[in-house]
Amino acid sequence: QFFTQINYYFDSADFQLRKRRMGLRVRVLSDNAEITLKIP
């Protein structure tokens, strides 16, 4: 029932996203993937 996913996180050198409490990731699973921007 367990599956593996790898999250790759992106931000600018001056952490523009982190400063706004946002996150940006590319998630890779065995047969699909997605890019997600999270905004509070």
PDB file of all heavy atoms in Angstrom:
ATOM      1  N   GLN A   1       0.823  -1.212   0.000  1.00  0.00           N
ATOM      2  CA  GLN A   1       0.000   0.000   0.000  1.00  0.00           C
ATOM      3  C   GLN A   1       0.861   1.269   0.000  1.00  0.00           C
ATOM      4  O   GLN A   1       0.363   2.355  -0.261  1.00  0.00           O
ATOM      5  CB  GLN A   1      -0.931   0.020   1.217  1.00  0.00           C
ATOM      6  CG  GLN A   1      -2.055  -0.999   1.132  1.00  0.00           C
ATOM      7  CD  GLN A   1      -2.868  -1.014   2.405  1.00  0.00           C
ATOM      8  OE1 GLN A   1      -2.569  -1.746   3.342  1.00  0.00           O
ATOM      9  NE2 GLN A   1      -3.899  -0.193   2.441  1.00  0.00           N
ATOM     10  N   PHE A   2       2.146   1.136   0.284  1.00  0.00           N
ATOM     11  CA  PHE A   2       3.045   2.292   0.304  1.00  0.00           C
ATOM     12  C   PHE A   2       3.575   2.563  -1.105  1.00  0.00           C
ATOM     13  O   PHE A   2       3.839   1.641  -1.868  1.00  0.00           O
ATOM     14  CB  PHE A   2       4.216   2.049   1.265  1.00  0.00           C
ATOM     15  CG  PHE A   2       3.845   2.177   2.711  1.00  0.00           C
ATOM     16  CD1 PHE A   2       3.325   1.098   3.413  1.00  0.00           C
ATOM     17  CD2 PHE A   2       3.988   3.388   3.380  1.00  0.00           C
ATOM     18  CE1 PHE A   2       2.966   1.213   4.749  1.00  0.00           C
ATOM     19  CE2 PHE A   2       3.634   3.518   4.713  1.00  0.00           C
ATOM     20  CZ  PHE A   2       3.123   2.422   5.405  1.00  0.00           C
ATOM     21  N   PHE A   3       3.703   3.833  -1.433  1.00  0.00           N
ATOM     22  CA  PHE A   3       4.290   4.239  -2.708  1.00  0.00           C
ATOM     23  C   PHE A   3       5.296   5.347  -2.426  1.00  0.00           C
ATOM     24  O   PHE A   3       5.245   6.004  -1.386  1.00  0.00           O
ATOM     25  CB  PHE A   3       3.217   4.699  -3.703  1.00  0.00           C
ATOM     26  CG  PHE A   3       2.362   5.845  -3.224  1.00  0.00           C
ATOM     27  CD1 PHE A   3       2.711   7.161  -3.514  1.00  0.00           C
ATOM     28  CD2 PHE A   3       1.216   5.603  -2.471  1.00  0.00           C
ATOM     29  CE1 PHE A   3       1.929   8.223  -3.066  1.00  0.00           C
ATOM     30  CE2 PHE A   3       0.423   6.670  -2.018  1.00  0.00           C
ATOM     31  CZ  PHE A   3       0.785   7.971  -2.314  1.00  0.00           C
ATOM     32  N   THR A   4       6.214   5.532  -3.360  1.00  0.00           N
ATOM     33  CA  THR A   4       7.278   6.516  -3.167  1.00  0.00           C
ATOM     34  C   THR A   4       7.028   7.736  -4.043  1.00  0.00           C
ATOM     35  O   THR A   4       6.630   7.608  -5.209  1.00  0.00           O
ATOM     36  CB  THR A   4       8.653   5.901  -3.499  1.00  0.00           C
ATOM     37  OG1 THR A   4       8.862   4.799  -2.620  1.00  0.00           O
ATOM     38  CG2 THR A   4       9.777   6.908  -3.315  1.00  0.00           C
ATOM     39  N   GLN A   5       7.256   8.900  -3.462  1.00  0.00           N
ATOM     40  CA  GLN A   5       7.190  10.148  -4.222  1.00  0.00           C
ATOM     41  C   GLN A   5       8.405  10.991  -3.847  1.00  0.00           C
ATOM     42  O   GLN A   5       8.868  10.954  -2.706  1.00  0.00           O
ATOM     43  CB  GLN A   5       5.891  10.905  -3.935  1.00  0.00           C
ATOM     44  CG  GLN A   5       5.680  11.254  -2.481  1.00  0.00           C
ATOM     45  CD  GLN A   5       4.282  11.786  -2.200  1.00  0.00           C
ATOM     46  OE1 GLN A   5       3.325  11.448  -2.874  1.00  0.00           O
ATOM     47  NE2 GLN A   5       4.174  12.633  -1.193  1.00  0.00           N
ATOM     48  N   ILE A   6       8.929  11.705  -4.823  1.00  0.00           N
ATOM     49  CA  ILE A   6      10.058  12.601  -4.563  1.00  0.00           C
ATOM     50  C   ILE A   6       9.592  14.024  -4.845  1.00  0.00           C
ATOM     51  O   ILE A   6       9.054  14.315  -5.910  1.00  0.00           O
ATOM     52  CB  ILE A   6      11.282  12.256  -5.440  1.00  0.00           C
ATOM     53  CG1 ILE A   6      11.670  10.795  -5.247  1.00  0.00           C
ATOM     54  CG2 ILE A   6      12.462  13.172  -5.083  1.00  0.00           C
ATOM     55  CD1 ILE A   6      12.765  10.323  -6.190  1.00  0.00           C
ATOM     56  N   ASN A   7       9.765  14.886  -3.845  1.00  0.00           N
ATOM     57  CA  ASN A   7       9.437  16.308  -3.986  1.00  0.00           C
ATOM     58  C   ASN A   7      10.728  17.084  -4.221  1.00  0.00           C
ATOM     59  O   ASN A   7      11.666  16.964  -3.438  1.00  0.00           O
ATOM     60  CB  ASN A   7       8.771  16.844  -2.714  1.00  0.00           C
ATOM     61  CG  ASN A   7       7.387  16.278  -2.494  1.00  0.00           C
ATOM     62  OD1 ASN A   7       6.745  15.793  -3.405  1.00  0.00           O
ATOM     63  ND2 ASN A   7       6.928  16.341  -1.270  1.00  0.00           N
ATOM     64  N   TYR A   8      10.740  17.885  -5.286  1.00  0.00           N
ATOM     65  CA  TYR A   8      11.860  18.776  -5.577  1.00  0.00           C
ATOM     66  C   TYR A   8      11.359  20.196  -5.360  1.00  0.00           C
ATOM     67  O   TYR A   8      10.355  20.602  -5.955  1.00  0.00           O
ATOM     68  CB  TYR A   8      12.325  18.595  -7.023  1.00  0.00           C
ATOM     69  CG  TYR A   8      12.874  17.219  -7.304  1.00  0.00           C
ATOM     70  CD1 TYR A   8      12.057  16.226  -7.824  1.00  0.00           C
ATOM     71  CD2 TYR A   8      14.203  16.913  -7.047  1.00  0.00           C
ATOM     72  CE1 TYR A   8      12.554  14.952  -8.081  1.00  0.00           C
ATOM     73  CE2 TYR A   8      14.713  15.636  -7.303  1.00  0.00           C
ATOM     74  CZ  TYR A   8      13.879  14.670  -7.813  1.00  0.00           C
ATOM     75  OH  TYR A   8      14.364  13.412  -8.067  1.00  0.00           O
ATOM     76  N   TYR A   9      12.037  20.941  -4.493  1.00  0.00           N
ATOM     77  CA  TYR A   9      11.574  22.277  -4.105  1.00  0.00           C
ATOM     78  C   TYR A   9      12.380  23.370  -4.799  1.00  0.00           C
ATOM     79  O   TYR A   9      13.601  23.244  -4.958  1.00  0.00           O
ATOM     80  CB  TYR A   9      11.673  22.438  -2.591  1.00  0.00           C
ATOM     81  CG  TYR A   9      10.794  21.453  -1.857  1.00  0.00           C
ATOM     82  CD1 TYR A   9      11.337  20.345  -1.218  1.00  0.00           C
ATOM     83  CD2 TYR A   9       9.416  21.627  -1.818  1.00  0.00           C
ATOM     84  CE1 TYR A   9      10.526  19.433  -0.563  1.00  0.00           C
ATOM     85  CE2 TYR A   9       8.601  20.720  -1.159  1.00  0.00           C
ATOM     86  CZ  TYR A   9       9.163  19.625  -0.533  1.00  0.00           C
ATOM     87  OH  TYR A   9       8.358  18.726   0.105  1.00  0.00           O
ATOM     88  N   PHE A  10      11.672  24.447  -5.153  1.00  0.00           N
ATOM     89  CA  PHE A  10      12.276  25.575  -5.861  1.00  0.00           C
ATOM     90  C   PHE A  10      12.013  26.869  -5.097  1.00  0.00           C
ATOM     91  O   PHE A  10      10.966  27.046  -4.481  1.00  0.00           O
ATOM     92  CB  PHE A  10      11.678  25.703  -7.270  1.00  0.00           C
ATOM     93  CG  PHE A  10      12.067  24.577  -8.188  1.00  0.00           C
ATOM     94  CD1 PHE A  10      11.439  23.347  -8.121  1.00  0.00           C
ATOM     95  CD2 PHE A  10      13.078  24.752  -9.119  1.00  0.00           C
ATOM     96  CE1 PHE A  10      11.804  22.300  -8.963  1.00  0.00           C
ATOM     97  CE2 PHE A  10      13.459  23.714  -9.974  1.00  0.00           C
ATOM     98  CZ  PHE A  10      12.810  22.485  -9.888  1.00  0.00           C
ATOM     99  N   ASP A  11      12.990  27.771  -5.150  1.00  0.00           N
ATOM    100  CA  ASP A  11      12.829  29.130  -4.624  1.00  0.00           C
ATOM    101  C   ASP A  11      13.922  29.978  -5.267  1.00  0.00           C
ATOM    102  O   ASP A  11      14.810  29.461  -5.942  1.00  0.00           O
ATOM    103  CB  ASP A  11      12.936  29.164  -3.092  1.00  0.00           C
ATOM    104  CG  ASP A  11      12.208  30.366  -2.464  1.00  0.00           C
ATOM    105  OD1 ASP A  11      11.988  31.378  -3.160  1.00  0.00           O
ATOM    106  OD2 ASP A  11      11.884  30.285  -1.272  1.00  0.00           O
ATOM    107  N   SER A  12      13.874  31.280  -5.041  1.00  0.00           N
ATOM    108  CA  SER A  12      14.914  32.174  -5.566  1.00  0.00           C
ATOM    109  C   SER A  12      16.076  32.220  -4.570  1.00  0.00           C
ATOM    110  O   SER A  12      15.949  31.781  -3.424  1.00  0.00           O
ATOM    111  CB  SER A  12      14.348  33.579  -5.772  1.00  0.00           C
ATOM    112  OG  SER A  12      13.909  34.096  -4.530  1.00  0.00           O
ATOM    113  N   ALA A  13      17.191  32.763  -5.014  1.00  0.00           N
ATOM    114  CA  ALA A  13      18.365  32.871  -4.141  1.00  0.00           C
ATOM    115  C   ALA A  13      18.045  33.703  -2.898  1.00  0.00           C
ATOM    116  O   ALA A  13      18.586  33.457  -1.822  1.00  0.00           O
ATOM    117  CB  ALA A  13      19.537  33.481  -4.910  1.00  0.00           C
ATOM    118  N   ASP A  14      17.140  34.687  -3.040  1.00  0.00           N
ATOM    119  CA  ASP A  14      16.777  35.519  -1.884  1.00  0.00           C
ATOM    120  C   ASP A  14      15.464  35.052  -1.229  1.00  0.00           C
ATOM    121  O   ASP A  14      14.843  35.776  -0.460  1.00  0.00           O
ATOM    122  CB  ASP A  14      16.694  36.999  -2.285  1.00  0.00           C
ATOM    123  CG  ASP A  14      15.691  37.253  -3.396  1.00  0.00           C
ATOM    124  OD1 ASP A  14      15.142  36.274  -3.971  1.00  0.00           O
ATOM    125  OD2 ASP A  14      15.429  38.439  -3.699  1.00  0.00           O
ATOM    126  N   PHE A  15      15.035  33.847  -1.547  1.00  0.00           N
ATOM    127  CA  PHE A  15      13.877  33.183  -0.924  1.00  0.00           C
ATOM    128  C   PHE A  15      12.588  34.004  -0.995  1.00  0.00           C
ATOM    129  O   PHE A  15      11.891  34.181  -0.005  1.00  0.00           O
ATOM    130  CB  PHE A  15      14.200  32.778   0.523  1.00  0.00           C
ATOM    131  CG  PHE A  15      15.325  31.777   0.595  1.00  0.00           C
ATOM    132  CD1 PHE A  15      16.583  32.170   1.034  1.00  0.00           C
ATOM    133  CD2 PHE A  15      15.134  30.466   0.193  1.00  0.00           C
ATOM    134  CE1 PHE A  15      17.629  31.264   1.066  1.00  0.00           C
ATOM    135  CE2 PHE A  15      16.171  29.545   0.230  1.00  0.00           C
ATOM    136  CZ  PHE A  15      17.421  29.936   0.674  1.00  0.00           C
ATOM    137  N   GLN A  16      12.276  34.465  -2.222  1.00  0.00           N
ATOM    138  CA  GLN A  16      11.039  35.235  -2.421  1.00  0.00           C
ATOM    139  C   GLN A  16       9.797  34.446  -2.012  1.00  0.00           C
ATOM    140  O   GLN A  16       8.863  35.006  -1.441  1.00  0.00           O
ATOM    141  CB  GLN A  16      10.904  35.633  -3.897  1.00  0.00           C
ATOM    142  CG  GLN A  16      11.926  36.643  -4.366  1.00  0.00           C
ATOM    143  CD  GLN A  16      11.791  36.877  -5.859  1.00  0.00           C
ATOM    144  OE1 GLN A  16      10.692  37.119  -6.359  1.00  0.00           O
ATOM    145  NE2 GLN A  16      12.895  36.794  -6.580  1.00  0.00           N
ATOM    146  N   LEU A  17       9.778  33.152  -2.313  1.00  0.00           N
ATOM    147  CA  LEU A  17       8.602  32.344  -1.982  1.00  0.00           C
ATOM    148  C   LEU A  17       8.502  32.124  -0.470  1.00  0.00           C
ATOM    149  O   LEU A  17       7.432  32.297   0.118  1.00  0.00           O
ATOM    150  CB  LEU A  17       8.644  30.994  -2.712  1.00  0.00           C
ATOM    151  CG  LEU A  17       8.562  31.070  -4.237  1.00  0.00           C
ATOM    152  CD1 LEU A  17       8.726  29.692  -4.854  1.00  0.00           C
ATOM    153  CD2 LEU A  17       7.250  31.699  -4.686  1.00  0.00           C
ATOM    154  N   ARG A  18       9.599  31.739   0.133  1.00  0.00           N
ATOM    155  CA  ARG A  18       9.586  31.463   1.578  1.00  0.00           C
ATOM    156  C   ARG A  18       9.146  32.697   2.362  1.00  0.00           C
ATOM    157  O   ARG A  18       8.380  32.602   3.317  1.00  0.00           O
ATOM    158  CB  ARG A  18      10.952  30.974   2.058  1.00  0.00           C
ATOM    159  CG  ARG A  18      10.905  30.550   3.536  1.00  0.00           C
ATOM    160  CD  ARG A  18      12.189  29.985   4.011  1.00  0.00           C
ATOM    161  NE  ARG A  18      13.164  31.058   4.163  1.00  0.00           N
ATOM    162  CZ  ARG A  18      14.424  30.876   4.447  1.00  0.00           C
ATOM    163  NH1 ARG A  18      14.915  29.667   4.578  1.00  0.00           N
ATOM    164  NH2 ARG A  18      15.241  31.894   4.594  1.00  0.00           N
ATOM    165  N   LYS A  19       9.624  33.870   1.948  1.00  0.00           N
ATOM    166  CA  LYS A  19       9.263  35.114   2.641  1.00  0.00           C
ATOM    167  C   LYS A  19       7.749  35.361   2.600  1.00  0.00           C
ATOM    168  O   LYS A  19       7.202  36.007   3.474  1.00  0.00           O
ATOM    169  CB  LYS A  19      10.009  36.303   2.037  1.00  0.00           C
ATOM    170  CG  LYS A  19      11.484  36.320   2.398  1.00  0.00           C
ATOM    171  CD  LYS A  19      12.227  37.420   1.662  1.00  0.00           C
ATOM    172  CE  LYS A  19      13.721  37.355   1.946  1.00  0.00           C
ATOM    173  NZ  LYS A  19      14.494  38.189   1.037  1.00  0.00           N
ATOM    174  N   ARG A  20       7.093  34.821   1.567  1.00  0.00           N
ATOM    175  CA  ARG A  20       5.637  34.975   1.437  1.00  0.00           C
ATOM    176  C   ARG A  20       4.900  33.727   1.916  1.00  0.00           C
ATOM    177  O   ARG A  20       3.714  33.583   1.663  1.00  0.00           O
ATOM    178  CB  ARG A  20       5.300  35.280  -0.019  1.00  0.00           C
ATOM    179  CG  ARG A  20       5.838  36.651  -0.427  1.00  0.00           C
ATOM    180  CD  ARG A  20       5.923  36.807  -1.923  1.00  0.00           C
ATOM    181  NE  ARG A  20       4.712  37.371  -2.491  1.00  0.00           N
ATOM    182  CZ  ARG A  20       4.633  37.850  -3.714  1.00  0.00           C
ATOM    183  NH1 ARG A  20       5.685  37.846  -4.504  1.00  0.00           N
ATOM    184  NH2 ARG A  20       3.500  38.329  -4.165  1.00  0.00           N
ATOM    185  N   ARG A  21       5.637  32.822   2.579  1.00  0.00           N
ATOM    186  CA  ARG A  21       5.100  31.573   3.130  1.00  0.00           C
ATOM    187  C   ARG A  21       4.499  30.680   2.052  1.00  0.00           C
ATOM    188  O   ARG A  21       3.553  29.934   2.284  1.00  0.00           O
ATOM    189  CB  ARG A  21       4.092  31.866   4.252  1.00  0.00           C
ATOM    190  CG  ARG A  21       4.752  32.594   5.422  1.00  0.00           C
ATOM    191  CD  ARG A  21       3.836  32.936   6.580  1.00  0.00           C
ATOM    192  NE  ARG A  21       2.933  31.887   6.976  1.00  0.00           N
ATOM    193  CZ  ARG A  21       1.599  32.003   6.999  1.00  0.00           C
ATOM    194  NH1 ARG A  21       1.017  33.130   6.654  1.00  0.00           N
ATOM    195  NH2 ARG A  21       0.843  31.006   7.384  1.00  0.00           N
ATOM    196  N   MET A  22       5.062  30.777   0.840  1.00  0.00           N
ATOM    197  CA  MET A  22       4.605  29.953  -0.278  1.00  0.00           C
ATOM    198  C   MET A  22       5.624  28.843  -0.516  1.00  0.00           C
ATOM    199  O   MET A  22       6.774  28.933  -0.075  1.00  0.00           O
ATOM    200  CB  MET A  22       4.442  30.813  -1.540  1.00  0.00           C
ATOM    201  CG  MET A  22       3.395  31.893  -1.380  1.00  0.00           C
ATOM    202  SD  MET A  22       2.959  32.800  -2.889  1.00  0.00           S
ATOM    203  CE  MET A  22       4.499  33.294  -3.545  1.00  0.00           C
ATOM    204  N   GLY A  23       5.176  27.811  -1.202  1.00  0.00           N
ATOM    205  CA  GLY A  23       6.068  26.719  -1.559  1.00  0.00           C
ATOM    206  C   GLY A  23       5.833  26.307  -3.004  1.00  0.00           C
ATOM    207  O   GLY A  23       4.706  26.370  -3.501  1.00  0.00           O
ATOM    208  N   LEU A  24       6.901  25.896  -3.668  1.00  0.00           N
ATOM    209  CA  LEU A  24       6.809  25.442  -5.059  1.00  0.00           C
ATOM    210  C   LEU A  24       7.563  24.130  -5.164  1.00  0.00           C
ATOM    211  O   LEU A  24       8.737  24.046  -4.780  1.00  0.00           O
ATOM    212  CB  LEU A  24       7.427  26.484  -5.999  1.00  0.00           C
ATOM    213  CG  LEU A  24       7.446  26.131  -7.487  1.00  0.00           C
ATOM    214  CD1 LEU A  24       6.025  25.984  -8.034  1.00  0.00           C
ATOM    215  CD2 LEU A  24       8.204  27.187  -8.275  1.00  0.00           C
ATOM    216  N   ARG A  25       6.863  23.109  -5.656  1.00  0.00           N
ATOM    217  CA  ARG A  25       7.507  21.806  -5.762  1.00  0.00           C
ATOM    218  C   ARG A  25       7.132  21.121  -7.064  1.00  0.00           C
ATOM    219  O   ARG A  25       6.054  21.343  -7.622  1.00  0.00           O
ATOM    220  CB  ARG A  25       7.104  20.907  -4.586  1.00  0.00           C
ATOM    221  CG  ARG A  25       5.673  20.457  -4.680  1.00  0.00           C
ATOM    222  CD  ARG A  25       5.350  19.223  -3.868  1.00  0.00           C
ATOM    223  NE  ARG A  25       3.996  18.849  -4.180  1.00  0.00           N
ATOM    224  CZ  ARG A  25       3.002  18.780  -3.307  1.00  0.00           C
ATOM    225  NH1 ARG A  25       3.219  19.010  -2.034  1.00  0.00           N
ATOM    226  NH2 ARG A  25       1.793  18.433  -3.703  1.00  0.00           N
ATOM    227  N   VAL A  26       8.039  20.258  -7.496  1.00  0.00           N
ATOM    228  CA  VAL A  26       7.751  19.286  -8.538  1.00  0.00           C
ATOM    229  C   VAL A  26       7.734  17.940  -7.834  1.00  0.00           C
ATOM    230  O   VAL A  26       8.706  17.578  -7.161  1.00  0.00           O
ATOM    231  CB  VAL A  26       8.823  19.311  -9.655  1.00  0.00           C
ATOM    232  CG1 VAL A  26       8.627  18.143 -10.608  1.00  0.00           C
ATOM    233  CG2 VAL A  26       8.783  20.640 -10.401  1.00  0.00           C
ATOM    234  N   ARG A  27       6.608  17.232  -7.938  1.00  0.00           N
ATOM    235  CA  ARG A  27       6.471  15.920  -7.291  1.00  0.00           C
ATOM    236  C   ARG A  27       6.496  14.847  -8.368  1.00  0.00           C
ATOM    237  O   ARG A  27       5.742  14.913  -9.331  1.00  0.00           O
ATOM    238  CB  ARG A  27       5.163  15.846  -6.505  1.00  0.00           C
ATOM    239  CG  ARG A  27       4.880  14.449  -5.956  1.00  0.00           C
ATOM    240  CD  ARG A  27       3.678  14.435  -5.053  1.00  0.00           C
ATOM    241  NE  ARG A  27       4.070  14.984  -3.750  1.00  0.00           N
ATOM    242  CZ  ARG A  27       3.205  15.262  -2.786  1.00  0.00           C
ATOM    243  NH1 ARG A  27       1.912  15.075  -2.966  1.00  0.00           N
ATOM    244  NH2 ARG A  27       3.636  15.731  -1.627  1.00  0.00           N
ATOM    245  N   VAL A  28       7.360  13.855  -8.167  1.00  0.00           N
ATOM    246  CA  VAL A  28       7.502  12.765  -9.134  1.00  0.00           C
ATOM    247  C   VAL A  28       7.115  11.445  -8.467  1.00  0.00           C
ATOM    248  O   VAL A  28       7.665  11.090  -7.424  1.00  0.00           O
ATOM    249  CB  VAL A  28       8.955  12.684  -9.666  1.00  0.00           C
ATOM    250  CG1 VAL A  28       9.076  11.583 -10.710  1.00  0.00           C
ATOM    251  CG2 VAL A  28       9.392  14.021 -10.251  1.00  0.00           C
ATOM    252  N   LEU A  29       6.161  10.760  -9.072  1.00  0.00           N
ATOM    253  CA  LEU A  29       5.770   9.419  -8.648  1.00  0.00           C
ATOM    254  C   LEU A  29       6.221   8.439  -9.730  1.00  0.00           C
ATOM    255  O   LEU A  29       6.850   8.842 -10.704  1.00  0.00           O
ATOM    256  CB  LEU A  29       4.254   9.348  -8.428  1.00  0.00           C
ATOM    257  CG  LEU A  29       3.773  10.211  -7.257  1.00  0.00           C
ATOM    258  CD1 LEU A  29       3.073  11.456  -7.741  1.00  0.00           C
ATOM    259  CD2 LEU A  29       2.873   9.410  -6.343  1.00  0.00           C
ATOM    260  N   SER A  30       5.874   7.178  -9.586  1.00  0.00           N
ATOM    261  CA  SER A  30       6.368   6.186 -10.549  1.00  0.00           C
ATOM    262  C   SER A  30       5.792   6.389 -11.946  1.00  0.00           C
ATOM    263  O   SER A  30       6.477   6.171 -12.938  1.00  0.00           O
ATOM    264  CB  SER A  30       6.070   4.769 -10.068  1.00  0.00           C
ATOM    265  OG  SER A  30       4.668   4.582  -9.971  1.00  0.00           O
ATOM    266  N   ASP A  31       4.521   6.845 -12.037  1.00  0.00           N
ATOM    267  CA  ASP A  31       3.898   6.918 -13.362  1.00  0.00           C
ATOM    268  C   ASP A  31       3.313   8.286 -13.708  1.00  0.00           C
ATOM    269  O   ASP A  31       2.685   8.446 -14.744  1.00  0.00           O
ATOM    270  CB  ASP A  31       2.817   5.846 -13.487  1.00  0.00           C
ATOM    271  CG  ASP A  31       1.753   5.967 -12.407  1.00  0.00           C
ATOM    272  OD1 ASP A  31       1.908   6.821 -11.491  1.00  0.00           O
ATOM    273  OD2 ASP A  31       0.756   5.222 -12.468  1.00  0.00           O
ATOM    274  N   ASN A  32       3.494   9.277 -12.837  1.00  0.00           N
ATOM    275  CA  ASN A  32       3.033  10.629 -13.163  1.00  0.00           C
ATOM    276  C   ASN A  32       3.776  11.633 -12.292  1.00  0.00           C
ATOM    277  O   ASN A  32       4.528  11.249 -11.393  1.00  0.00           O
ATOM    278  CB  ASN A  32       1.516  10.767 -12.998  1.00  0.00           C
ATOM    279  CG  ASN A  32       1.052  10.562 -11.578  1.00  0.00           C
ATOM    280  OD1 ASN A  32       1.283  11.403 -10.716  1.00  0.00           O
ATOM    281  ND2 ASN A  32       0.397   9.438 -11.317  1.00  0.00           N
ATOM    282  N   ALA A  33       3.537  12.902 -12.585  1.00  0.00           N
ATOM    283  CA  ALA A  33       4.218  13.970 -11.846  1.00  0.00           C
ATOM    284  C   ALA A  33       3.348  15.223 -11.910  1.00  0.00           C
ATOM    285  O   ALA A  33       2.390  15.292 -12.686  1.00  0.00           O
ATOM    286  CB  ALA A  33       5.594  14.237 -12.451  1.00  0.00           C
ATOM    287  N   GLU A  34       3.701  16.203 -11.082  1.00  0.00           N
ATOM    288  CA  GLU A  34       2.975  17.470 -11.101  1.00  0.00           C
ATOM    289  C   GLU A  34       3.869  18.563 -10.548  1.00  0.00           C
ATOM    290  O   GLU A  34       4.825  18.299  -9.823  1.00  0.00           O
ATOM    291  CB  GLU A  34       1.677  17.383 -10.283  1.00  0.00           C
ATOM    292  CG  GLU A  34       1.900  17.202  -8.798  1.00  0.00           C
ATOM    293  CD  GLU A  34       0.615  17.081  -7.985  1.00  0.00           C
ATOM    294  OE1 GLU A  34      -0.479  17.152  -8.556  1.00  0.00           O
ATOM    295  OE2 GLU A  34       0.724  16.926  -6.758  1.00  0.00           O
ATOM    296  N   ILE A  35       3.528  19.785 -10.919  1.00  0.00           N
ATOM    297  CA  ILE A  35       4.160  20.955 -10.317  1.00  0.00           C
ATOM    298  C   ILE A  35       3.066  21.667  -9.530  1.00  0.00           C
ATOM    299  O   ILE A  35       1.938  21.812 -10.019  1.00  0.00           O
ATOM    300  CB  ILE A  35       4.825  21.866 -11.379  1.00  0.00           C
ATOM    301  CG1 ILE A  35       5.569  23.023 -10.707  1.00  0.00           C
ATOM    302  CG2 ILE A  35       3.839  22.344 -12.415  1.00  0.00           C
ATOM    303  CD1 ILE A  35       6.472  23.806 -11.658  1.00  0.00           C
ATOM    304  N   THR A  36       3.386  22.054  -8.293  1.00  0.00           N
ATOM    305  CA  THR A  36       2.385  22.647  -7.403  1.00  0.00           C
ATOM    306  C   THR A  36       2.952  23.885  -6.735  1.00  0.00           C
ATOM    307  O   THR A  36       4.055  23.857  -6.196  1.00  0.00           O
ATOM    308  CB  THR A  36       1.963  21.636  -6.308  1.00  0.00           C
ATOM    309  OG1 THR A  36       1.479  20.451  -6.931  1.00  0.00           O
ATOM    310  CG2 THR A  36       0.892  22.217  -5.408  1.00  0.00           C
ATOM    311  N   LEU A  37       2.169  24.952  -6.768  1.00  0.00           N
ATOM    312  CA  LEU A  37       2.463  26.172  -6.022  1.00  0.00           C
ATOM    313  C   LEU A  37       1.460  26.230  -4.882  1.00  0.00           C
ATOM    314  O   LEU A  37       0.253  26.118  -5.099  1.00  0.00           O
ATOM    315  CB  LEU A  37       2.304  27.400  -6.928  1.00  0.00           C
ATOM    316  CG  LEU A  37       2.513  28.771  -6.269  1.00  0.00           C
ATOM    317  CD1 LEU A  37       3.950  28.934  -5.773  1.00  0.00           C
ATOM    318  CD2 LEU A  37       2.141  29.890  -7.239  1.00  0.00           C
ATOM    319  N   LYS A  38       1.958  26.360  -3.637  1.00  0.00           N
ATOM    320  CA  LYS A  38       1.089  26.439  -2.461  1.00  0.00           C
ATOM    321  C   LYS A  38       1.144  27.866  -1.911  1.00  0.00           C
ATOM    322  O   LYS A  38       2.231  28.381  -1.654  1.00  0.00           O
ATOM    323  CB  LYS A  38       1.523  25.444  -1.384  1.00  0.00           C
ATOM    324  CG  LYS A  38       1.341  23.996  -1.814  1.00  0.00           C
ATOM    325  CD  LYS A  38       1.549  23.055  -0.652  1.00  0.00           C
ATOM    326  CE  LYS A  38       1.299  21.618  -1.047  1.00  0.00           C
ATOM    327  NZ  LYS A  38       1.099  20.751   0.125  1.00  0.00           N
ATOM    328  N   ILE A  39      -0.047  28.433  -1.732  1.00  0.00           N
ATOM    329  CA  ILE A  39      -0.168  29.821  -1.269  1.00  0.00           C
ATOM    330  C   ILE A  39      -1.046  29.831  -0.018  1.00  0.00           C
ATOM    331  O   ILE A  39      -2.151  29.282  -0.036  1.00  0.00           O
ATOM    332  CB  ILE A  39      -0.815  30.705  -2.366  1.00  0.00           C
ATOM    333  CG1 ILE A  39       0.014  30.645  -3.652  1.00  0.00           C
ATOM    334  CG2 ILE A  39      -0.976  32.137  -1.886  1.00  0.00           C
ATOM    335  CD1 ILE A  39      -0.656  31.276  -4.850  1.00  0.00           C
ATOM    336  N   PRO A  40      -0.568  30.451   1.084  1.00  0.00           N
ATOM    337  CA  PRO A  40      -1.382  30.458   2.304  1.00  0.00           C
ATOM    338  C   PRO A  40      -2.689  31.233   2.126  1.00  0.00           C
ATOM    339  O   PRO A  40      -2.713  32.281   1.485  1.00  0.00           O
ATOM    340  CB  PRO A  40      -0.494  31.131   3.352  1.00  0.00           C
ATOM    341  CG  PRO A  40       0.707  31.625   2.650  1.00  0.00           C
ATOM    342  CD  PRO A  40       0.684  31.163   1.234  1.00  0.00           C
TER     343      PRO A  40
END
